[in-house]
Amino acid sequence: MNAEEIIQNEKDYVLGVFGRPPFVLTEGKGTTVYDSAGNGYLDLVAGIAVNVLGYGDAEVEQAIKEAASTGMYHTSNLYHTEPHTKLAKKLCETSFADKVHYCLCGASANEGAFKFARRYAREHGHEDKWEILAFSDAFHGRLFGALAATPREKYQQPFEPLMPGVRFADFNDLDDARAKMSDKVCAIIVEPIQGEGGINPATPEFLSGLRALADEYGALLIFDEVQCGLGRSGDLWAYQGYGVEPDILSAAKPLAGGLPMGAILMKQKVADTIHPGDHASTFAGNPFTTHVACTVVDRVAQPSFLADVKEKGQYLMELLAELNSPHILEIRGAGLIVGIELDIDANPIVEKGYEAGMLLLSAGEKIVRFVPPLTISKEELALAVSKLGAILQEL
């Protein structure tokens, strides 16, 4: 089929919940993707912060071939397999965690974390301790529990009533968090660096204060690192840059190099309260995706890899600052998760990006988000910023 036929078939047969540009992507190499007409696009989106090793990575391709060669893509969680245990060990050894539970995406990781927090409270004799404290501009997913903790009216209102028991405080406002805290709260959930909400880094004082607040009230601290985790911030896990440990961490997007996968990392005190049958997933942690994820984690966890992400992130911030555009109000982020807040709508910039041979992404109405493959080069970053500067001048 040609591009027109593919797009028409999509309109005819696929539920229209996504807005897509009028071209069809067919292949990728390095940090560039190509459409069916042969046009190349420098990718600053990476599948929404997923493809950390870019496209056509030799080690990822080798891992996929190895996983496929077994003929055993799926076994369910009724049986032991080697890859899921190897990955769990890697995740625990490179983080605060003692145990890992697999799931399929970021939203399901957060929903599982909520369940574990409620179970933890009940196991400690607190039947009335089941509420969640979340924050303004958060994004935790689109399922009922995760959506309840995502304070966006346009996302929530059509599907109400949502999961009850979620209260909100202002992000980076510790006094407001304390004012909204209660003995009924079993967990505080926060993104160390907010993604969809506009690339808003938490302050060190805020995260350390939430740690103390959770301890004071006997609640669990959950860090949502679905977007900012696994190398994106320049640290393997974003919390490591703050020196504040959570009790539970949700991970997903980049974990299996583009294959759908999530994980809930937790301390032993949480794991001790979860019993067989409390939570499950048919497809989660299958031997195919976990084998590939082992390769991704091994690569990203290398100190030299992470140092390179930090260096390129700083370089990107400097390049953006040098644009000195009157439309740019603020540049913020860490590593290769960077937001450019503008005084104009970001969507026309994304559209102009296509014409300039570039994939861009918004994070709110007036924020352009850079979340490229972590393997992007400085030369490619300079090219992207140059093109962005030209677009801002044109607008």
Protein backbone atom coordinates (compact mmCIF):
# COMPACT_ATOMS: atom_id res chain seq x y z
CA MET A 1 0.00 0.00 0.00
CA ASN A 2 1.10 3.55 -0.60
CA ALA A 3 0.96 6.24 2.08
CA GLU A 4 -2.49 7.48 1.05
CA GLU A 5 -3.96 3.97 1.22
CA ILE A 6 -2.38 3.31 4.62
CA ILE A 7 -3.73 6.56 6.07
CA GLN A 8 -7.19 5.91 4.61
CA ASN A 9 -7.23 2.37 6.02
CA GLU A 10 -6.35 3.83 9.40
CA LYS A 11 -9.26 6.24 9.20
CA ASP A 12 -11.55 3.37 8.21
CA TYR A 13 -10.47 0.76 10.76
CA VAL A 14 -8.41 2.26 13.62
CA LEU A 15 -10.03 4.11 16.52
CA GLY A 16 -9.19 7.77 16.02
CA VAL A 17 -7.74 8.74 19.39
CA PHE A 18 -4.39 9.93 18.01
CA GLY A 19 -3.59 12.89 15.78
CA ARG A 20 -0.86 11.95 13.31
CA PRO A 21 1.02 13.89 10.60
CA PRO A 22 0.30 12.97 6.95
CA PHE A 23 3.23 10.63 6.32
CA VAL A 24 3.98 6.98 7.06
CA LEU A 25 7.17 5.99 8.86
CA THR A 26 8.81 2.86 7.47
CA GLU A 27 12.32 2.51 8.94
CA GLY A 28 14.89 4.02 11.24
CA LYS A 29 18.66 4.20 11.50
CA GLY A 30 20.58 5.77 14.34
CA THR A 31 18.62 8.88 15.35
CA THR A 32 16.83 9.34 12.03
CA VAL A 33 13.54 7.85 10.87
CA TYR A 34 12.35 7.68 7.26
CA ASP A 35 8.92 7.79 5.67
CA SER A 36 7.57 5.86 2.71
CA ALA A 37 8.64 8.65 0.34
CA GLY A 38 12.25 8.42 1.55
CA ASN A 39 12.19 11.64 3.59
CA GLY A 40 14.39 11.59 6.68
CA TYR A 41 13.48 13.12 10.06
CA LEU A 42 15.96 13.75 12.85
CA ASP A 43 14.15 12.27 15.85
CA LEU A 44 13.90 14.39 19.01
CA VAL A 45 10.97 12.30 20.27
CA ALA A 46 12.38 8.74 20.48
CA GLY A 47 8.94 7.18 20.58
CA ILE A 48 8.10 9.50 23.53
CA ALA A 49 11.31 8.92 25.49
CA VAL A 50 11.39 5.19 24.68
CA ASN A 51 14.05 4.47 22.06
CA VAL A 52 17.06 5.40 24.18
CA LEU A 53 19.47 3.49 21.92
CA GLY A 54 17.95 4.86 18.74
CA TYR A 55 17.10 2.72 15.73
CA GLY A 56 18.86 -0.32 14.33
CA ASP A 57 21.20 -0.67 17.31
CA ALA A 58 23.39 -3.71 16.68
CA GLU A 59 23.31 -5.01 20.25
CA VAL A 60 19.53 -4.67 20.54
CA GLU A 61 19.06 -6.42 17.21
CA GLN A 62 21.34 -9.23 18.38
CA ALA A 63 19.34 -9.57 21.61
CA ILE A 64 16.10 -9.77 19.61
CA LYS A 65 17.58 -12.52 17.42
CA GLU A 66 18.76 -14.43 20.49
CA ALA A 67 15.33 -14.16 22.12
CA ALA A 68 13.58 -15.24 18.92
CA SER A 69 15.93 -18.20 18.40
CA THR A 70 14.48 -19.97 21.45
CA GLY A 71 11.05 -20.10 19.83
CA MET A 72 9.68 -19.26 23.27
CA TYR A 73 8.35 -15.72 23.11
CA HIS A 74 5.90 -16.24 25.96
CA THR A 75 5.39 -18.72 28.78
CA SER A 76 3.18 -16.78 31.25
CA ASN A 77 4.23 -16.27 34.85
CA LEU A 78 3.31 -19.82 35.79
CA TYR A 79 6.85 -20.99 35.04
CA HIS A 80 10.48 -20.08 35.73
CA THR A 81 12.59 -18.54 32.95
CA GLU A 82 16.13 -17.19 33.09
CA PRO A 83 15.78 -13.75 31.42
CA HIS A 84 13.24 -12.29 33.84
CA THR A 85 15.38 -13.24 36.84
CA LYS A 86 18.54 -11.83 35.24
CA LEU A 87 16.81 -8.54 34.53
CA ALA A 88 15.37 -8.31 38.05
CA LYS A 89 18.85 -8.80 39.50
CA LYS A 90 20.26 -6.04 37.27
CA LEU A 91 17.47 -3.63 38.24
CA CYS A 92 17.94 -4.31 41.94
CA GLU A 93 21.73 -4.10 41.84
CA THR A 94 21.63 -0.74 40.05
CA SER A 95 18.98 0.85 42.29
CA PHE A 96 17.58 1.04 45.84
CA ALA A 97 15.28 -1.92 45.15
CA ASP A 98 15.21 -5.38 46.70
CA LYS A 99 12.42 -6.82 44.55
CA VAL A 100 10.89 -6.22 41.10
CA HIS A 101 7.41 -6.89 39.74
CA TYR A 102 6.89 -6.74 35.97
CA CYS A 103 3.98 -5.16 34.12
CA LEU A 104 3.27 -3.87 30.61
CA CYS A 105 3.39 -0.07 30.68
CA GLY A 106 3.83 2.99 32.84
CA ALA A 107 0.17 3.34 33.77
CA SER A 108 -0.02 -0.28 34.91
CA ALA A 109 3.20 0.19 36.89
CA ASN A 110 1.64 3.10 38.75
CA GLU A 111 -1.62 1.27 39.33
CA GLY A 112 0.31 -1.70 40.70
CA ALA A 113 2.24 0.67 42.95
CA PHE A 114 -1.05 2.03 44.32
CA LYS A 115 -2.27 -1.49 45.04
CA PHE A 116 0.96 -2.38 46.81
CA ALA A 117 0.78 0.79 48.92
CA ARG A 118 -2.76 0.00 50.03
CA ARG A 119 -1.79 -3.59 50.76
CA TYR A 120 1.20 -2.37 52.78
CA ALA A 121 -1.03 -0.14 54.92
CA ARG A 122 -3.55 -2.91 55.57
CA GLU A 123 -0.84 -5.40 56.45
CA HIS A 124 0.23 -2.93 59.12
CA GLY A 125 -3.29 -2.73 60.54
CA HIS A 126 -4.46 0.50 58.90
CA GLU A 127 -7.78 -0.33 57.24
CA ASP A 128 -8.64 3.35 56.77
CA LYS A 129 -5.26 4.30 55.26
CA TRP A 130 -5.86 4.11 51.50
CA GLU A 131 -5.62 7.59 49.98
CA ILE A 132 -2.94 8.87 47.56
CA LEU A 133 -1.24 12.27 47.59
CA ALA A 134 -0.27 13.46 44.10
CA PHE A 135 0.74 16.82 42.64
CA SER A 136 -0.25 19.54 40.21
CA ASP A 137 0.89 19.06 36.59
CA ALA A 138 1.49 15.35 37.22
CA PHE A 139 0.98 12.69 34.59
CA HIS A 140 0.79 9.08 35.78
CA GLY A 141 -1.16 7.39 32.99
CA ARG A 142 -4.59 6.88 31.44
CA LEU A 143 -6.00 3.90 33.36
CA PHE A 144 -8.60 4.60 36.05
CA GLY A 145 -6.25 4.68 39.03
CA ALA A 146 -3.37 6.37 37.24
CA LEU A 147 -5.79 8.84 35.64
CA ALA A 148 -7.24 9.70 39.03
CA ALA A 149 -3.74 10.86 40.04
CA THR A 150 -3.35 12.92 36.84
CA PRO A 151 -5.03 16.30 37.46
CA ARG A 152 -6.09 17.22 33.92
CA GLU A 153 -9.79 17.95 33.48
CA LYS A 154 -9.78 17.16 29.75
CA TYR A 155 -8.37 13.70 30.50
CA GLN A 156 -10.47 12.98 33.59
CA GLN A 157 -13.90 14.51 33.05
CA PRO A 158 -15.18 12.23 30.25
CA PHE A 159 -14.50 9.13 32.36
CA GLU A 160 -15.62 10.11 35.83
CA PRO A 161 -16.14 8.76 38.41
CA LEU A 162 -12.50 7.71 38.70
CA MET A 163 -10.74 5.87 41.51
CA PRO A 164 -11.61 7.73 44.73
CA GLY A 165 -9.17 8.85 47.40
CA VAL A 166 -6.64 10.98 45.50
CA ARG A 167 -5.77 14.41 46.90
CA PHE A 168 -3.49 16.98 45.26
CA ALA A 169 -0.89 19.48 46.41
CA ASP A 170 1.16 21.98 44.43
CA PHE A 171 4.32 20.57 42.88
CA ASN A 172 7.54 21.84 44.51
CA ASP A 173 5.54 23.32 47.40
CA LEU A 174 6.44 21.37 50.53
CA ASP A 175 4.23 23.51 52.76
CA ASP A 176 1.21 22.69 50.60
CA ALA A 177 2.11 18.99 50.62
CA ARG A 178 2.21 19.05 54.40
CA ALA A 179 -1.12 20.86 54.54
CA LYS A 180 -2.74 18.23 52.29
CA MET A 181 -1.18 15.26 54.11
CA SER A 182 -3.29 13.05 56.37
CA ASP A 183 -3.14 9.82 58.35
CA LYS A 184 -5.41 8.40 55.64
CA VAL A 185 -2.68 8.76 53.00
CA CYS A 186 -0.93 5.46 52.28
CA ALA A 187 1.36 6.79 49.54
CA ILE A 188 2.82 9.95 48.03
CA ILE A 189 3.49 9.72 44.29
CA VAL A 190 5.70 12.20 42.44
CA GLU A 191 7.80 12.44 39.29
CA PRO A 192 11.36 13.60 40.12
CA ILE A 193 11.20 15.37 36.76
CA GLN A 194 7.70 15.91 35.44
CA GLY A 195 7.37 14.93 31.79
CA GLU A 196 3.96 15.53 30.22
CA GLY A 197 3.34 18.34 32.71
CA GLY A 198 6.05 20.53 31.17
CA ILE A 199 9.51 19.14 32.07
CA ASN A 200 9.51 20.44 35.64
CA PRO A 201 12.38 19.17 37.80
CA ALA A 202 11.63 18.75 41.49
CA THR A 203 13.86 20.70 43.82
CA PRO A 204 16.13 18.65 46.09
CA GLU A 205 14.44 20.21 49.12
CA PHE A 206 11.03 19.15 47.85
CA LEU A 207 11.95 15.48 47.35
CA SER A 208 13.85 15.22 50.63
CA GLY A 209 10.91 16.89 52.35
CA LEU A 210 8.48 14.40 50.84
CA ARG A 211 10.71 11.58 52.07
CA ALA A 212 10.51 12.95 55.61
CA LEU A 213 6.77 13.57 55.29
CA ALA A 214 6.11 10.01 54.13
CA ASP A 215 8.14 8.63 57.04
CA GLU A 216 6.35 10.86 59.54
CA TYR A 217 2.92 9.62 58.43
CA GLY A 218 3.88 5.99 57.83
CA ALA A 219 3.18 6.34 54.10
CA LEU A 220 5.17 5.00 51.17
CA LEU A 221 7.03 7.30 48.79
CA ILE A 222 6.53 6.39 45.12
CA PHE A 223 8.73 7.89 42.41
CA ASP A 224 7.24 7.76 38.93
CA GLU A 225 10.29 7.44 36.67
CA VAL A 226 8.42 6.15 33.64
CA GLN A 227 9.74 9.02 31.51
CA CYS A 228 12.68 10.46 33.45
CA GLY A 229 14.26 7.15 34.49
CA LEU A 230 16.81 4.75 32.97
CA GLY A 231 19.45 7.23 31.90
CA ARG A 232 17.23 10.02 30.62
CA SER A 233 18.30 12.51 33.32
CA GLY A 234 22.00 11.64 33.08
CA ASP A 235 21.77 9.38 36.13
CA LEU A 236 20.60 5.81 35.70
CA TRP A 237 17.61 6.63 37.89
CA ALA A 238 16.58 10.24 38.34
CA TYR A 239 16.30 9.88 42.13
CA GLN A 240 20.04 9.13 42.28
CA GLY A 241 20.74 12.71 41.21
CA TYR A 242 18.84 13.89 44.28
CA GLY A 243 20.17 11.44 46.85
CA VAL A 244 16.61 10.64 47.99
CA GLU A 245 15.38 7.04 47.87
CA PRO A 246 11.75 6.06 47.33
CA ASP A 247 10.03 2.95 48.67
CA ILE A 248 8.59 2.14 45.24
CA LEU A 249 9.65 3.23 41.75
CA SER A 250 7.65 2.81 38.54
CA ALA A 251 9.59 2.30 35.30
CA ALA A 252 8.53 1.54 31.75
CA LYS A 253 9.12 3.50 28.55
CA PRO A 254 12.79 2.76 27.64
CA LEU A 255 13.12 -0.48 29.56
CA ALA A 256 13.00 -2.98 26.68
CA GLY A 257 14.31 -0.79 23.86
CA GLY A 258 10.90 -0.21 22.27
CA LEU A 259 9.16 -3.45 23.24
CA PRO A 260 6.23 -2.91 25.64
CA MET A 261 7.35 -3.40 29.21
CA GLY A 262 7.05 -1.89 32.67
CA ALA A 263 8.38 -2.68 36.12
CA ILE A 264 7.66 -1.82 39.73
CA LEU A 265 10.81 -1.63 41.86
CA MET A 266 10.36 -1.83 45.63
CA LYS A 267 12.07 -2.16 48.97
CA GLN A 268 11.88 -5.45 50.87
CA LYS A 269 9.51 -3.98 53.46
CA VAL A 270 6.95 -3.50 50.66
CA ALA A 271 7.58 -6.91 49.11
CA ASP A 272 7.05 -8.57 52.49
CA THR A 273 3.42 -7.41 52.51
CA ILE A 274 2.52 -8.66 49.02
CA HIS A 275 1.34 -12.27 48.80
CA PRO A 276 0.86 -14.82 45.98
CA GLY A 277 -2.25 -13.93 44.01
CA ASP A 278 -2.30 -10.28 45.08
CA HIS A 279 -1.34 -9.03 41.61
CA ALA A 280 -0.63 -10.59 38.22
CA SER A 281 -0.28 -10.07 34.48
CA THR A 282 -0.42 -12.63 31.67
CA PHE A 283 2.22 -11.08 29.40
CA ALA A 284 4.43 -9.20 31.86
CA GLY A 285 8.04 -10.27 32.24
CA ASN A 286 7.99 -12.69 29.33
CA PRO A 287 11.34 -14.16 28.29
CA PHE A 288 11.48 -12.24 25.01
CA THR A 289 11.14 -8.70 26.34
CA THR A 290 13.19 -9.31 29.47
CA HIS A 291 16.09 -10.72 27.44
CA VAL A 292 16.13 -7.58 25.29
CA ALA A 293 15.77 -5.37 28.36
CA CYS A 294 18.90 -6.91 29.88
CA THR A 295 20.88 -5.54 26.94
CA VAL A 296 19.31 -2.08 27.24
CA VAL A 297 19.99 -1.85 31.00
CA ASP A 298 23.57 -3.08 30.58
CA ARG A 299 24.28 -0.39 27.97
CA VAL A 300 22.61 2.52 29.70
CA ALA A 301 24.03 1.68 33.14
CA GLN A 302 27.62 2.14 31.96
CA PRO A 303 29.17 5.16 33.75
CA SER A 304 30.66 6.42 30.48
CA PHE A 305 27.25 6.26 28.79
CA LEU A 306 25.61 8.25 31.58
CA ALA A 307 28.44 10.81 31.65
CA ASP A 308 27.93 11.30 27.91
CA VAL A 309 24.19 11.93 28.44
CA LYS A 310 24.97 14.59 31.06
CA GLU A 311 27.51 16.26 28.81
CA LYS A 312 25.18 16.31 25.82
CA GLY A 313 22.33 17.57 27.98
CA GLN A 314 24.40 20.51 29.16
CA TYR A 315 25.47 21.19 25.59
CA LEU A 316 21.84 21.17 24.46
CA MET A 317 20.86 23.67 27.17
CA GLU A 318 23.72 25.95 26.13
CA LEU A 319 22.73 25.77 22.46
CA LEU A 320 19.11 26.60 23.28
CA ALA A 321 20.16 29.54 25.46
CA GLU A 322 22.29 30.89 22.60
CA LEU A 323 19.19 31.13 20.40
CA ASN A 324 18.25 34.14 22.52
CA SER A 325 14.77 34.05 21.02
CA PRO A 326 12.19 36.44 22.48
CA HIS A 327 9.70 33.55 22.29
CA ILE A 328 11.70 31.45 24.78
CA LEU A 329 10.67 32.13 28.38
CA GLU A 330 12.57 29.32 30.14
CA ILE A 331 14.74 26.30 29.41
CA ARG A 332 14.65 23.54 32.02
CA GLY A 333 15.37 19.87 32.50
CA ALA A 334 18.28 17.50 33.13
CA GLY A 335 20.29 15.28 30.85
CA LEU A 336 18.33 14.67 27.66
CA ILE A 337 14.89 15.53 28.99
CA VAL A 338 14.62 19.24 28.25
CA GLY A 339 11.65 21.58 27.97
CA ILE A 340 11.55 24.94 26.22
CA GLU A 341 8.72 27.10 27.55
CA LEU A 342 7.46 29.58 24.97
CA ASP A 343 5.13 32.55 24.80
CA ILE A 344 3.44 31.00 21.76
CA ASP A 345 1.63 27.75 20.99
CA ALA A 346 4.01 24.80 20.57
CA ASN A 347 1.90 22.85 18.07
CA PRO A 348 2.74 24.99 15.00
CA ILE A 349 6.41 24.50 15.86
CA VAL A 350 5.95 20.74 15.88
CA GLU A 351 4.22 21.01 12.49
CA LYS A 352 7.00 23.18 11.07
CA GLY A 353 9.47 20.62 12.36
CA TYR A 354 8.15 18.06 9.91
CA GLU A 355 8.81 20.44 7.03
CA ALA A 356 12.35 20.95 8.36
CA GLY A 357 13.00 17.20 8.56
CA MET A 358 12.67 16.90 12.31
CA LEU A 359 10.35 15.18 14.81
CA LEU A 360 9.48 17.42 17.75
CA LEU A 361 7.11 16.95 20.67
CA SER A 362 5.11 19.26 22.90
CA ALA A 363 4.55 18.95 26.65
CA GLY A 364 1.58 21.16 27.25
CA GLU A 365 0.33 23.96 25.05
CA LYS A 366 3.44 26.16 25.09
CA ILE A 367 6.34 23.81 25.77
CA VAL A 368 8.53 22.04 23.21
CA ARG A 369 10.06 18.88 24.64
CA PHE A 370 13.40 17.33 23.65
CA VAL A 371 13.61 13.63 24.56
CA PRO A 372 15.84 12.24 21.77
CA PRO A 373 17.60 8.89 21.71
CA LEU A 374 20.35 9.05 24.31
CA THR A 375 22.79 8.09 21.54
CA ILE A 376 22.22 11.34 19.64
CA SER A 377 25.42 13.18 18.74
CA LYS A 378 26.37 16.76 19.58
CA GLU A 379 26.37 17.54 15.86
CA GLU A 380 22.79 16.32 15.57
CA LEU A 381 21.76 18.34 18.61
CA ALA A 382 23.33 21.45 17.07
CA LEU A 383 21.46 20.79 13.81
CA ALA A 384 18.17 20.36 15.67
CA VAL A 385 18.60 23.59 17.62
CA SER A 386 19.57 25.46 14.47
CA LYS A 387 16.39 24.26 12.77
CA LEU A 388 14.33 25.15 15.84
CA GLY A 389 15.85 28.64 15.81
CA ALA A 390 14.88 29.10 12.16
CA ILE A 391 11.31 28.02 12.93
CA LEU A 392 11.04 30.45 15.84
CA GLN A 393 12.31 33.28 13.65
CA GLU A 394 9.78 32.40 10.97
CA LEU A 395 6.92 32.37 13.46
